[in-house]
Each structure stands twice: as structure tokens, then as C-alpha cells.
N, C-alpha and C. Protein backbone atom coordinates (compact mmCIF):
# COMPACT_ATOMS: atom_id res chain seq x y z
N MET A 1 178.05 93.57 64.77
CA MET A 1 176.64 93.72 64.43
C MET A 1 175.86 93.31 65.64
N ALA A 2 174.75 94.07 65.87
CA ALA A 2 173.96 93.86 67.06
C ALA A 2 173.11 92.58 66.91
N GLU A 3 173.04 91.83 67.96
CA GLU A 3 172.31 90.55 67.95
C GLU A 3 170.84 90.85 68.17
N ASN A 4 169.99 90.17 67.44
CA ASN A 4 168.55 90.31 67.56
C ASN A 4 168.09 89.49 68.77
N LYS A 5 167.58 90.18 69.82
CA LYS A 5 167.24 89.47 71.03
C LYS A 5 165.72 89.28 71.21
N THR A 6 164.96 89.59 70.19
CA THR A 6 163.51 89.41 70.25
C THR A 6 163.19 87.95 70.06
N ARG A 7 162.20 87.46 70.78
CA ARG A 7 161.83 86.02 70.64
C ARG A 7 160.89 85.89 69.50
N ARG A 8 161.20 85.01 68.59
CA ARG A 8 160.34 84.72 67.46
C ARG A 8 159.82 83.30 67.55
N MET A 9 158.84 83.11 68.35
CA MET A 9 158.30 81.77 68.48
C MET A 9 157.22 81.51 67.40
N CYS A 10 157.21 80.29 66.98
CA CYS A 10 156.27 79.90 65.97
C CYS A 10 154.84 79.91 66.52
N PHE A 11 154.67 79.60 67.80
CA PHE A 11 153.33 79.53 68.42
C PHE A 11 153.06 80.76 69.29
N ASN A 12 153.56 81.88 68.88
CA ASN A 12 153.29 83.13 69.54
C ASN A 12 151.84 83.50 69.16
N ILE A 13 151.19 84.37 70.03
CA ILE A 13 149.80 84.72 69.75
C ILE A 13 149.69 85.52 68.46
N ASN A 14 150.80 86.15 68.04
CA ASN A 14 150.80 86.89 66.80
C ASN A 14 151.20 86.04 65.61
N GLY A 15 151.57 84.83 65.89
CA GLY A 15 152.05 83.95 64.84
C GLY A 15 151.06 82.91 64.41
N LEU A 16 151.49 81.70 64.31
CA LEU A 16 150.68 80.60 63.82
C LEU A 16 149.50 80.32 64.77
N LEU A 17 149.75 80.34 66.08
CA LEU A 17 148.69 80.05 67.04
C LEU A 17 147.61 81.15 66.97
N GLY A 18 148.05 82.37 66.78
CA GLY A 18 147.03 83.50 66.66
C GLY A 18 146.19 83.34 65.43
N GLY A 19 146.82 82.91 64.33
CA GLY A 19 146.03 82.68 63.10
C GLY A 19 145.06 81.57 63.25
N ILE A 20 145.49 80.48 63.93
CA ILE A 20 144.55 79.36 64.17
C ILE A 20 143.44 79.76 65.09
N LEU A 21 143.76 80.47 66.14
CA LEU A 21 142.69 80.96 67.10
C LEU A 21 141.69 81.85 66.33
N ALA A 22 142.18 82.77 65.54
CA ALA A 22 141.28 83.66 64.80
C ALA A 22 140.37 82.84 63.85
N THR A 23 140.93 81.89 63.16
CA THR A 23 140.19 81.03 62.26
C THR A 23 139.11 80.27 62.92
N VAL A 24 139.49 79.64 64.10
CA VAL A 24 138.53 78.85 64.86
C VAL A 24 137.41 79.78 65.37
N LEU A 25 137.76 80.96 65.86
CA LEU A 25 136.73 81.86 66.37
C LEU A 25 135.80 82.28 65.26
N LEU A 26 136.29 82.58 64.10
CA LEU A 26 135.41 83.00 63.02
C LEU A 26 134.57 81.87 62.51
N LEU A 27 135.11 80.63 62.52
CA LEU A 27 134.25 79.51 62.09
C LEU A 27 133.19 79.22 63.14
N ALA A 28 133.49 79.40 64.39
CA ALA A 28 132.52 79.22 65.48
C ALA A 28 131.37 80.19 65.38
N ILE A 29 131.68 81.47 65.05
CA ILE A 29 130.71 82.48 64.88
C ILE A 29 129.86 82.15 63.70
N LEU A 30 130.45 81.72 62.59
CA LEU A 30 129.75 81.32 61.36
C LEU A 30 128.78 80.16 61.64
N VAL A 31 129.22 79.13 62.39
CA VAL A 31 128.40 78.01 62.73
C VAL A 31 127.20 78.46 63.59
N PHE A 32 127.44 79.30 64.61
CA PHE A 32 126.36 79.80 65.47
C PHE A 32 125.33 80.57 64.69
N LEU A 33 125.79 81.47 63.83
CA LEU A 33 124.81 82.27 63.05
C LEU A 33 124.06 81.45 62.06
N THR A 34 124.73 80.47 61.47
CA THR A 34 124.01 79.53 60.55
C THR A 34 122.95 78.76 61.24
N ILE A 35 123.23 78.23 62.47
CA ILE A 35 122.25 77.48 63.18
C ILE A 35 121.12 78.37 63.58
N GLN A 36 121.37 79.62 64.00
CA GLN A 36 120.30 80.54 64.36
C GLN A 36 119.41 80.91 63.12
N ALA A 37 120.00 81.07 62.00
CA ALA A 37 119.27 81.40 60.78
C ALA A 37 118.39 80.22 60.36
N ILE A 38 118.84 79.03 60.48
CA ILE A 38 118.08 77.80 60.15
C ILE A 38 116.92 77.70 61.11
N ALA A 39 117.14 77.97 62.41
CA ALA A 39 116.10 77.90 63.36
C ALA A 39 114.97 78.95 63.10
N VAL A 40 115.38 80.13 62.75
CA VAL A 40 114.38 81.18 62.39
C VAL A 40 113.61 80.79 61.19
N GLN A 41 114.25 80.28 60.18
CA GLN A 41 113.58 79.85 58.96
C GLN A 41 112.59 78.76 59.26
N GLN A 42 112.94 77.79 60.04
CA GLN A 42 112.07 76.69 60.35
C GLN A 42 110.88 77.16 61.20
N ALA A 43 111.08 78.06 62.09
CA ALA A 43 109.99 78.58 62.90
C ALA A 43 108.99 79.37 62.08
N ASN A 44 109.44 80.06 61.05
CA ASN A 44 108.56 80.94 60.27
C ASN A 44 108.10 80.30 58.96
N ALA A 45 108.50 79.05 58.67
CA ALA A 45 108.11 78.39 57.45
C ALA A 45 106.64 78.00 57.46
N THR A 46 106.06 77.94 58.59
CA THR A 46 104.63 77.53 58.62
C THR A 46 103.71 78.72 58.94
N ASN A 47 104.24 79.90 59.04
CA ASN A 47 103.43 81.13 59.30
C ASN A 47 103.08 81.75 57.95
N PHE A 48 101.89 81.41 57.43
CA PHE A 48 101.49 81.88 56.11
C PHE A 48 100.64 83.14 56.31
N TYR A 49 100.68 83.97 55.28
CA TYR A 49 99.80 85.16 55.26
C TYR A 49 98.36 84.63 54.98
N GLU A 50 97.43 85.24 55.65
CA GLU A 50 96.02 84.88 55.41
C GLU A 50 95.33 86.04 54.79
N ILE A 51 94.77 85.79 53.56
CA ILE A 51 94.07 86.85 52.86
C ILE A 51 92.62 86.70 53.25
N GLU A 52 92.06 87.73 53.89
CA GLU A 52 90.69 87.56 54.39
C GLU A 52 89.66 87.76 53.25
N ASN A 53 89.89 88.67 52.38
CA ASN A 53 88.93 88.92 51.31
C ASN A 53 89.70 89.05 49.98
N PRO A 54 89.96 87.94 49.28
CA PRO A 54 90.78 88.07 48.06
C PRO A 54 90.11 88.79 46.92
N THR A 55 88.80 88.98 46.98
CA THR A 55 88.14 89.69 45.83
C THR A 55 88.33 91.17 45.98
N SER A 56 88.74 91.67 47.16
CA SER A 56 88.94 93.14 47.33
C SER A 56 90.33 93.63 46.85
N ILE A 57 91.12 92.69 46.43
CA ILE A 57 92.49 93.10 45.99
C ILE A 57 92.39 93.77 44.62
N GLN A 58 92.99 94.95 44.54
CA GLN A 58 92.88 95.70 43.29
C GLN A 58 94.11 95.41 42.40
N ALA A 59 93.85 95.30 41.15
CA ALA A 59 94.91 95.04 40.16
C ALA A 59 95.71 96.35 40.01
N THR A 60 96.95 96.22 39.68
CA THR A 60 97.83 97.37 39.47
C THR A 60 97.45 98.00 38.13
N SER A 61 97.17 99.30 38.17
CA SER A 61 96.86 100.04 36.98
C SER A 61 97.56 101.39 37.01
N VAL A 62 97.59 102.10 35.91
CA VAL A 62 98.23 103.43 35.90
C VAL A 62 97.41 104.39 36.77
N ASP A 63 96.09 104.30 36.77
CA ASP A 63 95.22 105.16 37.56
C ASP A 63 95.45 104.88 39.06
N ASN A 64 95.54 103.63 39.42
CA ASN A 64 95.71 103.22 40.84
C ASN A 64 97.11 103.65 41.33
N ALA A 65 98.12 103.52 40.49
CA ALA A 65 99.48 103.89 40.92
C ALA A 65 99.66 105.41 41.03
N ALA A 66 98.92 106.17 40.20
CA ALA A 66 99.13 107.61 40.18
C ALA A 66 98.70 108.24 41.47
N LYS A 67 97.71 107.69 42.16
CA LYS A 67 97.29 108.37 43.42
C LYS A 67 98.25 108.10 44.60
N TRP A 68 99.16 107.12 44.49
CA TRP A 68 100.14 106.87 45.51
C TRP A 68 101.47 107.50 45.22
N VAL A 69 101.80 107.76 44.00
CA VAL A 69 103.06 108.34 43.61
C VAL A 69 103.22 109.76 44.11
N ASN A 70 102.14 110.54 44.09
CA ASN A 70 102.21 111.95 44.38
C ASN A 70 102.08 112.24 45.87
N LYS A 71 102.04 111.26 46.72
CA LYS A 71 101.86 111.49 48.16
C LYS A 71 103.18 111.79 48.83
């Protein structure tokens, strides 16, 4: 019977070490994106919309909606 001469190392890049590296890389990306999302949320949490003339806001009605639906 032919002898198997391929190296099967536990810490090969395709083995356990590769899985650990992929997991660490994905977690690092997750941490980076989470930190960026929190920074964006904090920067925009104090930017409020300013309504200049609140009395000019029209209530939703069937007549008001009909003129926008057919456009």
C-alpha cells in the first residue's frame, strides 16, 4: 500500500491556525465597524431637524394624497 507523504500539521494555514486567524480577522472587522457606528451615532445624536413654520404642515388626507399618487 502506498504511504501517504502529505504533511498534515495541526497548525497549518488550512487547519487550526487558519481557523483562528479567520476568526480573529472577522472579530477585528466587527469591532472596527461597531466603533465606527457608535461614533457616527454620537456625532448625529445632537443634530435635530428644525421646523421653521410648524403651522404650515398639512395633515394627511385622501385629497392631499391623491394629488401625489398619480404623479
